[in-house]
Amino acid sequence: MTAQPNGTPPAGGVPRVRVAGTPYDRGRQYGTQARDRVRLSVQAYQRVFAHYAGWDWPDVRRAAAGFEAPIAAFRLAYLDEMRGIADGAGLDLADVLAINVRTEVMYAAKARQAPLAARVSASFRPLPAECSAFAVVPAPETPQVATLLGQNWDWLLHSAQTLVVLEARPDDGPAFVTVVEAGLLAKAGLNAAGLGLVTNALVTDADLGAPGLPYHVLLRAILDCATVTEALKVLQSGMRSSSANYLIAHASGAALDVEAAPGDFTRLYPQLPEDGVLLHTNHFLSPRLHPVDVSLWAMPDSAVRLQRLRAGATASATLGDLRVLLADHADYPHSICSHPDPRDHPLEQGATIASVLMDLNARRLWLAAGHPCRSPYQELDVSWLGAPATASAAV
């Protein structure tokens, strides 16, 4: 794999959005450069929210407005970023806020259905597969080995047309790169401090959409962190609105998987590496979860995808090995490399939208836009993140 020249879109023509400056200025640059894709995100989620939650767009905007105060109290800068995105894209703040709380709307709708599952089975609307993630970390006696991180991001089909690579140089935190839906603050990514993040959606019977800190705001906050411990403090710092899994690793070899249910610090469930690997799909692994996990009811393919990750990921895995694993088709189409099920409603069909691989020590990131079984990985030039450590994985 060769690095793309600076300014050239990566695989699949995914736009690279480059921003710098204050939170509002970065947001406005983001909204301006990705204007068409941000507006497409809003249009697509109007249809999605109506289908999953039965809400028209004014309903969604009113619900999203309830998250404005918690976000402002947590980090006003993130609200400024969203206001800038809206202004740059020619939208209202309420529109951009709504897509940044799309998890809280959709998964809360699913959690509200769960107690009625036996009676609503004929109208059950499954959520699309939502990611297979991993970290491979070195043992203390082999610090020269790289820390590897990656995931397949699986989601609704429209997001293939809204994907962007956001490259940010904040004036108030570390530079970072994130592969994300246009208009959202963050998803999987890597920052200049050597901290990397991948993630999975989860859902419990406590996911009722109560205003609090939204999932995508917390993803953005983690990319402002310099260490794994600092990232854990971020997750502990307020009332979270929704369930999610945050798999966080650092070039130093530190790694932690944090399963989070709605609520405060008492509803965080850390998972530690076993034999040098951390693996996660879309259901809780903690045996001491307080809410009721309904993830496997909502996303039943999560179980087999985790089994396949466990079969293929080892502490000695190279990036080449992990590329093969992320293209795995066992249990197709509900596989690690996820494909649309033609039996599903068009608004319920999901697929792998992007596959991301990172070498945290070398500050290197590869992106396959689309299915990794057929889309080549291309390396993004992220040398602007700064001087890396000396260890680098073989690809």
Protein backbone atom coordinates (compact mmCIF):
# COMPACT_ATOMS: atom_id res chain seq x y z
CA MET A 1 0.00 0.00 0.00
CA THR A 2 1.25 3.46 -0.85
CA ALA A 3 0.36 6.75 0.72
CA GLN A 4 -2.01 9.04 -1.16
CA PRO A 5 -0.49 12.37 -2.18
CA ASN A 6 -1.50 15.25 0.03
CA GLY A 7 -4.92 16.53 -1.07
CA THR A 8 -5.90 13.42 -3.05
CA PRO A 9 -9.11 11.68 -1.95
CA PRO A 10 -8.56 8.21 -0.47
CA ALA A 11 -10.11 4.98 -1.71
CA GLY A 12 -13.56 5.22 -3.24
CA GLY A 13 -13.41 9.00 -3.69
CA VAL A 14 -14.12 9.77 -0.03
CA PRO A 15 -13.59 13.51 0.46
CA ARG A 16 -10.87 14.69 2.83
CA VAL A 17 -12.07 17.65 4.87
CA ARG A 18 -9.26 19.73 6.40
CA VAL A 19 -10.05 22.18 9.16
CA ALA A 20 -8.14 24.30 11.67
CA GLY A 21 -8.64 27.06 14.21
CA THR A 22 -11.32 27.72 16.80
CA PRO A 23 -14.24 25.31 17.32
CA TYR A 24 -16.68 27.49 15.38
CA ASP A 25 -14.18 28.15 12.57
CA ARG A 26 -13.40 24.44 12.22
CA GLY A 27 -17.08 23.63 12.12
CA ARG A 28 -17.78 26.24 9.47
CA GLN A 29 -14.89 24.97 7.35
CA TYR A 30 -16.21 21.42 7.76
CA GLY A 31 -19.76 22.39 6.78
CA THR A 32 -18.57 24.43 3.81
CA GLN A 33 -16.23 21.76 2.40
CA ALA A 34 -18.68 18.88 2.95
CA ARG A 35 -21.85 20.91 2.31
CA ASP A 36 -23.51 18.47 -0.10
CA ARG A 37 -22.75 15.43 2.06
CA VAL A 38 -23.89 17.11 5.29
CA ARG A 39 -27.17 18.05 3.65
CA LEU A 40 -27.53 14.50 2.32
CA SER A 41 -27.01 13.19 5.87
CA VAL A 42 -29.89 15.34 7.09
CA GLN A 43 -32.14 14.27 4.22
CA ALA A 44 -31.33 10.58 4.73
CA TYR A 45 -31.97 10.66 8.47
CA GLN A 46 -35.32 12.34 7.92
CA ARG A 47 -36.39 9.11 6.20
CA VAL A 48 -34.60 6.88 8.71
CA PHE A 49 -36.11 8.52 11.81
CA ALA A 50 -39.59 8.34 10.29
CA HIS A 51 -39.12 4.65 9.57
CA TYR A 52 -37.55 3.56 12.89
CA ALA A 53 -39.11 5.98 15.36
CA GLY A 54 -42.22 7.18 13.55
CA TRP A 55 -41.10 10.81 13.95
CA ASP A 56 -41.30 13.55 11.36
CA TRP A 57 -38.42 16.04 11.18
CA PRO A 58 -39.97 18.68 13.46
CA ASP A 59 -40.42 15.93 16.10
CA VAL A 60 -36.76 14.95 15.72
CA ARG A 61 -35.58 18.56 15.99
CA ARG A 62 -37.62 19.09 19.16
CA ALA A 63 -36.18 15.91 20.72
CA ALA A 64 -32.65 16.88 19.68
CA ALA A 65 -33.03 20.31 21.30
CA GLY A 66 -33.13 18.60 24.70
CA PHE A 67 -29.47 17.61 24.24
CA GLU A 68 -28.25 21.15 23.70
CA ALA A 69 -27.96 22.06 27.40
CA PRO A 70 -26.10 18.86 28.47
CA ILE A 71 -23.61 19.30 25.62
CA ALA A 72 -23.07 22.97 26.45
CA ALA A 73 -22.48 22.14 30.13
CA PHE A 74 -20.00 19.39 29.18
CA ARG A 75 -17.98 21.10 26.43
CA LEU A 76 -19.46 24.26 24.94
CA ALA A 77 -16.86 24.00 22.17
CA TYR A 78 -18.62 20.97 20.66
CA LEU A 79 -21.85 22.91 20.37
CA ASP A 80 -19.87 25.71 18.71
CA GLU A 81 -18.46 23.16 16.25
CA MET A 82 -21.97 21.99 15.38
CA ARG A 83 -23.16 25.58 14.98
CA GLY A 84 -20.27 26.16 12.58
CA ILE A 85 -21.11 22.99 10.61
CA ALA A 86 -24.70 24.18 10.28
CA ASP A 87 -23.69 27.67 9.12
CA GLY A 88 -21.18 26.28 6.62
CA ALA A 89 -23.73 23.84 5.17
CA GLY A 90 -26.59 26.34 5.12
CA LEU A 91 -28.63 24.50 7.77
CA ASP A 92 -30.02 25.21 11.21
CA LEU A 93 -28.16 24.11 14.33
CA ALA A 94 -31.19 21.92 15.11
CA ASP A 95 -30.58 19.91 11.91
CA VAL A 96 -26.93 19.22 12.72
CA LEU A 97 -27.71 18.51 16.36
CA ALA A 98 -30.36 16.02 15.23
CA ILE A 99 -27.96 13.90 13.18
CA ASN A 100 -25.41 13.99 16.00
CA VAL A 101 -28.00 12.40 18.31
CA ARG A 102 -29.18 9.87 15.73
CA THR A 103 -28.03 7.02 18.00
CA GLU A 104 -30.14 8.30 20.88
CA VAL A 105 -33.22 8.51 18.65
CA MET A 106 -32.87 5.16 16.85
CA TYR A 107 -31.66 2.94 19.67
CA ALA A 108 -34.11 4.44 22.13
CA ALA A 109 -36.88 3.52 19.71
CA LYS A 110 -35.53 -0.03 19.59
CA ALA A 111 -35.19 -0.28 23.39
CA ARG A 112 -38.78 0.84 23.83
CA GLN A 113 -39.89 -2.03 21.60
CA ALA A 114 -37.91 -4.70 23.46
CA PRO A 115 -40.38 -5.41 26.31
CA LEU A 116 -43.04 -5.98 23.65
CA ALA A 117 -40.92 -8.28 21.50
CA ALA A 118 -43.24 -11.26 21.81
CA ARG A 119 -46.18 -9.17 20.62
CA VAL A 120 -44.48 -7.14 17.91
CA SER A 121 -42.43 -9.85 16.21
CA ALA A 122 -44.37 -9.42 12.97
CA SER A 123 -43.36 -5.75 12.83
CA PHE A 124 -39.84 -6.15 14.23
CA ARG A 125 -37.39 -3.84 12.48
CA PRO A 126 -33.84 -5.07 13.04
CA LEU A 127 -31.04 -2.56 13.31
CA PRO A 128 -28.25 -2.99 10.79
CA ALA A 129 -25.01 -4.58 11.89
CA GLU A 130 -22.90 -2.04 13.77
CA CYS A 131 -19.21 -2.86 13.69
CA SER A 132 -16.56 -5.44 14.45
CA ALA A 133 -13.59 -3.91 16.31
CA PHE A 134 -10.23 -5.00 17.72
CA ALA A 135 -6.95 -3.93 19.26
CA VAL A 136 -3.69 -5.88 19.27
CA VAL A 137 -1.26 -4.68 21.94
CA PRO A 138 2.38 -5.60 22.65
CA ALA A 139 3.55 -7.33 25.79
CA PRO A 140 5.81 -5.30 28.13
CA GLU A 141 8.79 -7.41 27.11
CA THR A 142 8.28 -6.52 23.41
CA PRO A 143 7.71 -2.74 23.41
CA GLN A 144 9.11 -2.46 19.89
CA VAL A 145 5.99 -4.20 18.55
CA ALA A 146 3.28 -1.83 17.30
CA THR A 147 -0.15 -1.31 18.81
CA LEU A 148 -2.72 -2.08 16.11
CA LEU A 149 -6.33 -0.94 16.08
CA GLY A 150 -9.15 -1.31 13.59
CA GLN A 151 -12.72 -2.03 12.74
CA ASN A 152 -15.31 -2.56 10.08
CA TRP A 153 -17.95 0.15 10.38
CA ASP A 154 -21.28 -1.30 9.31
CA TRP A 155 -24.32 0.91 8.89
CA LEU A 156 -27.22 1.95 6.67
CA LEU A 157 -26.52 2.03 2.96
CA HIS A 158 -27.00 5.77 2.50
CA SER A 159 -23.91 6.47 4.60
CA ALA A 160 -21.65 5.28 1.77
CA GLN A 161 -22.59 8.59 0.10
CA THR A 162 -22.02 10.71 3.23
CA LEU A 163 -18.65 9.33 4.38
CA VAL A 164 -15.80 11.82 4.83
CA VAL A 165 -12.30 11.83 6.30
CA LEU A 166 -12.12 14.75 8.74
CA GLU A 167 -8.60 16.05 9.42
CA ALA A 168 -8.58 18.60 12.23
CA ARG A 169 -5.94 20.85 13.73
CA PRO A 170 -7.70 22.35 16.76
CA ASP A 171 -6.20 25.33 18.53
CA ASP A 172 -7.28 23.80 21.86
CA GLY A 173 -6.26 20.13 21.65
CA PRO A 174 -4.34 17.47 19.71
CA ALA A 175 -4.68 17.21 15.95
CA PHE A 176 -6.77 14.22 14.88
CA VAL A 177 -8.19 12.37 11.91
CA THR A 178 -11.56 10.60 11.97
CA VAL A 179 -13.55 8.60 9.41
CA VAL A 180 -17.11 9.80 9.91
CA GLU A 181 -20.53 10.54 8.42
CA ALA A 182 -20.65 14.10 7.15
CA GLY A 183 -21.98 16.47 9.78
CA LEU A 184 -21.16 14.24 12.76
CA LEU A 185 -18.40 15.21 15.15
CA ALA A 186 -16.37 11.98 15.17
CA LYS A 187 -16.24 8.20 14.77
CA ALA A 188 -13.15 5.97 14.52
CA GLY A 189 -9.89 7.88 14.52
CA LEU A 190 -6.34 8.61 15.61
CA ASN A 191 -4.78 11.69 17.19
CA ALA A 192 -1.33 13.25 17.39
CA ALA A 193 -0.80 11.95 20.93
CA GLY A 194 -0.88 8.38 19.61
CA LEU A 195 -4.34 7.62 20.95
CA GLY A 196 -6.72 5.67 18.71
CA LEU A 197 -10.43 4.92 18.97
CA VAL A 198 -12.82 2.40 17.46
CA THR A 199 -16.36 1.78 18.59
CA ASN A 200 -19.53 -0.32 18.60
CA ALA A 201 -23.19 0.48 19.18
CA LEU A 202 -24.93 -1.27 22.10
CA VAL A 203 -28.48 -1.09 23.41
CA THR A 204 -30.14 -1.87 26.77
CA ASP A 205 -33.62 -1.46 28.16
CA ALA A 206 -32.33 1.76 29.76
CA ASP A 207 -31.78 3.40 26.35
CA LEU A 208 -34.87 5.58 26.45
CA GLY A 209 -33.48 8.71 24.82
CA ALA A 210 -33.30 10.81 27.99
CA PRO A 211 -31.18 13.92 27.30
CA GLY A 212 -27.58 13.58 28.44
CA LEU A 213 -24.18 13.31 26.81
CA PRO A 214 -24.67 11.83 23.31
CA TYR A 215 -22.58 9.02 21.89
CA HIS A 216 -20.99 11.01 19.05
CA VAL A 217 -20.11 13.91 21.35
CA LEU A 218 -18.24 11.48 23.63
CA LEU A 219 -16.41 10.00 20.63
CA ARG A 220 -15.26 13.52 19.77
CA ALA A 221 -14.19 14.14 23.37
CA ILE A 222 -12.07 10.98 23.43
CA LEU A 223 -10.13 12.19 20.39
CA ASP A 224 -9.18 15.24 22.46
CA CYS A 225 -7.43 12.97 25.02
CA ALA A 226 -3.72 12.25 25.30
CA THR A 227 -3.97 8.98 27.26
CA VAL A 228 -6.32 6.05 27.77
CA THR A 229 -6.82 7.05 31.42
CA GLU A 230 -7.84 10.54 30.35
CA ALA A 231 -10.37 9.00 27.95
CA LEU A 232 -11.86 6.93 30.78
CA LYS A 233 -12.19 10.12 32.84
CA VAL A 234 -14.12 11.69 29.97
CA LEU A 235 -16.59 8.79 29.95
CA GLN A 236 -16.99 9.17 33.73
CA SER A 237 -17.56 12.92 33.63
CA GLY A 238 -21.31 13.14 33.08
CA MET A 239 -24.61 11.39 32.54
CA ARG A 240 -24.44 9.48 29.26
CA SER A 241 -27.61 9.24 27.25
CA SER A 242 -27.04 5.97 25.41
CA SER A 243 -25.21 2.67 25.48
CA ALA A 244 -22.03 2.26 23.43
CA ASN A 245 -18.70 0.50 23.40
CA TYR A 246 -15.48 2.52 23.30
CA LEU A 247 -12.31 0.57 22.41
CA ILE A 248 -9.39 2.88 23.14
CA ALA A 249 -5.67 2.21 22.68
CA HIS A 250 -2.42 4.15 22.76
CA ALA A 251 0.95 3.85 21.04
CA SER A 252 2.49 3.10 24.45
CA GLY A 253 0.67 -0.26 24.50
CA ALA A 254 -2.08 0.83 26.90
CA ALA A 255 -5.54 -0.35 25.84
CA LEU A 256 -9.00 -0.53 27.38
CA ASP A 257 -12.42 -1.48 26.14
CA VAL A 258 -15.20 0.39 27.95
CA GLU A 259 -18.76 -0.88 27.70
CA ALA A 260 -21.10 1.94 28.69
CA ALA A 261 -24.78 1.85 29.61
CA PRO A 262 -26.86 5.02 30.03
CA GLY A 263 -26.08 6.77 33.30
CA ASP A 264 -23.07 7.84 35.32
CA PHE A 265 -19.67 6.34 36.14
CA THR A 266 -21.29 3.37 37.92
CA ARG A 267 -22.54 2.07 34.57
CA LEU A 268 -19.15 1.72 32.89
CA TYR A 269 -17.81 -1.81 32.46
CA PRO A 270 -14.11 -1.98 31.47
CA GLN A 271 -12.76 -4.99 29.58
CA LEU A 272 -9.01 -5.72 29.57
CA PRO A 273 -6.89 -7.36 26.85
CA GLU A 274 -6.64 -11.13 26.94
CA ASP A 275 -3.48 -12.64 25.44
CA GLY A 276 -2.70 -9.30 23.82
CA VAL A 277 -6.03 -8.69 22.10
CA LEU A 278 -9.26 -6.79 22.73
CA LEU A 279 -12.26 -7.75 20.60
CA HIS A 280 -15.78 -6.40 20.49
CA THR A 281 -18.93 -6.48 18.38
CA ASN A 282 -22.42 -5.31 19.35
CA HIS A 283 -23.38 -6.89 22.65
CA PHE A 284 -22.16 -6.49 26.24
CA LEU A 285 -19.51 -8.90 27.52
CA SER A 286 -19.53 -7.78 31.15
CA PRO A 287 -21.13 -10.33 33.50
CA ARG A 288 -22.19 -7.62 35.95
CA LEU A 289 -24.28 -5.39 33.70
CA HIS A 290 -27.05 -3.62 35.63
CA PRO A 291 -29.54 -2.74 32.83
CA VAL A 292 -30.88 -5.53 30.65
CA ASP A 293 -28.80 -5.97 27.50
CA VAL A 294 -31.09 -6.18 24.46
CA SER A 295 -28.25 -5.87 21.94
CA LEU A 296 -28.47 -9.44 20.66
CA TRP A 297 -32.20 -9.06 20.23
CA ALA A 298 -31.64 -5.90 18.20
CA MET A 299 -28.46 -7.08 16.38
CA PRO A 300 -28.35 -10.89 16.48
CA ASP A 301 -25.43 -11.17 14.06
CA SER A 302 -23.13 -9.76 16.77
CA ALA A 303 -22.56 -13.20 18.33
CA VAL A 304 -21.14 -14.91 15.24
CA ARG A 305 -19.02 -11.90 14.31
CA LEU A 306 -17.40 -12.02 17.77
CA GLN A 307 -16.77 -15.75 17.37
CA ARG A 308 -15.00 -15.12 14.07
CA LEU A 309 -12.89 -12.31 15.55
CA ARG A 310 -11.81 -14.67 18.33
CA ALA A 311 -10.90 -17.32 15.78
CA GLY A 312 -8.76 -14.96 13.71
CA ALA A 313 -7.19 -12.29 15.92
CA THR A 314 -4.02 -13.13 17.87
CA ALA A 315 -1.26 -11.14 19.55
CA SER A 316 1.06 -11.98 16.66
CA ALA A 317 -1.36 -10.78 13.97
CA THR A 318 0.01 -8.37 11.37
CA LEU A 319 -2.00 -5.74 9.57
CA GLY A 320 -2.08 -8.14 6.63
CA ASP A 321 -3.64 -10.84 8.81
CA LEU A 322 -6.21 -8.36 10.10
CA ARG A 323 -7.13 -7.24 6.60
CA VAL A 324 -7.99 -10.86 5.80
CA LEU A 325 -10.04 -11.14 9.00
CA LEU A 326 -12.03 -7.99 8.22
CA ALA A 327 -12.94 -9.49 4.83
CA ASP A 328 -14.31 -12.67 6.47
CA HIS A 329 -17.62 -13.94 5.02
CA ALA A 330 -18.57 -16.66 7.53
CA ASP A 331 -22.36 -16.52 8.05
CA TYR A 332 -22.76 -14.29 4.97
CA PRO A 333 -24.41 -11.81 4.58
CA HIS A 334 -24.36 -11.29 8.38
CA SER A 335 -20.58 -11.57 8.44
CA ILE A 336 -17.67 -9.46 9.66
CA CYS A 337 -17.58 -8.13 6.10
CA SER A 338 -21.28 -7.31 6.13
CA HIS A 339 -23.44 -7.28 2.99
CA PRO A 340 -27.04 -6.17 2.47
CA ASP A 341 -29.71 -8.79 3.02
CA PRO A 342 -32.10 -8.42 0.06
CA ARG A 343 -34.96 -9.70 2.23
CA ASP A 344 -34.76 -6.59 4.43
CA HIS A 345 -36.61 -3.34 3.83
CA PRO A 346 -34.37 -0.90 1.91
CA LEU A 347 -34.18 1.42 4.94
CA GLU A 348 -33.12 -1.51 7.14
CA GLN A 349 -30.41 -2.92 4.89
CA GLY A 350 -26.92 -2.53 6.30
CA ALA A 351 -23.42 -3.22 5.04
CA THR A 352 -19.80 -2.52 5.79
CA ILE A 353 -19.43 1.12 4.80
CA ALA A 354 -15.74 1.48 5.65
CA SER A 355 -12.89 -0.58 7.07
CA VAL A 356 -10.20 1.23 9.06
CA LEU A 357 -6.79 -0.04 10.20
CA MET A 358 -4.30 1.90 12.33
CA ASP A 359 -0.71 1.50 13.47
CA LEU A 360 -0.67 3.82 16.47
CA ASN A 361 3.10 3.82 16.92
CA ALA A 362 3.85 4.85 13.36
CA ARG A 363 0.79 7.16 13.16
CA ARG A 364 -0.41 5.35 10.04
CA LEU A 365 -4.01 4.83 8.95
CA TRP A 366 -5.48 2.78 6.11
CA LEU A 367 -9.01 3.06 4.76
CA ALA A 368 -11.02 0.71 2.56
CA ALA A 369 -14.14 2.58 1.47
CA GLY A 370 -16.83 -0.06 1.14
CA HIS A 371 -16.53 -3.82 1.52
CA PRO A 372 -12.95 -4.82 2.39
CA CYS A 373 -13.45 -8.04 0.44
CA ARG A 374 -13.27 -6.01 -2.77
CA SER A 375 -12.24 -2.44 -1.92
CA PRO A 376 -8.46 -1.99 -1.65
CA TYR A 377 -7.02 -0.41 1.45
CA GLN A 378 -5.24 2.84 0.75
CA GLU A 379 -3.01 4.63 3.20
CA LEU A 380 -3.99 8.16 4.11
CA ASP A 381 -1.16 10.63 4.45
CA VAL A 382 -1.49 11.63 8.10
CA SER A 383 2.14 12.67 8.55
CA TRP A 384 0.82 16.06 9.66
CA LEU A 385 -0.15 14.38 12.98
CA GLY A 386 3.50 14.65 14.00
CA ALA A 387 6.58 12.54 14.59
CA PRO A 388 5.70 8.92 15.39
CA ALA A 389 7.41 6.43 17.65
CA THR A 390 9.93 4.12 16.00
CA ALA A 391 7.91 0.86 16.04
CA SER A 392 5.87 0.10 12.93
CA ALA A 393 3.91 -2.94 11.88
CA ALA A 394 4.54 -4.94 8.75
CA VAL A 395 1.72 -4.61 6.27
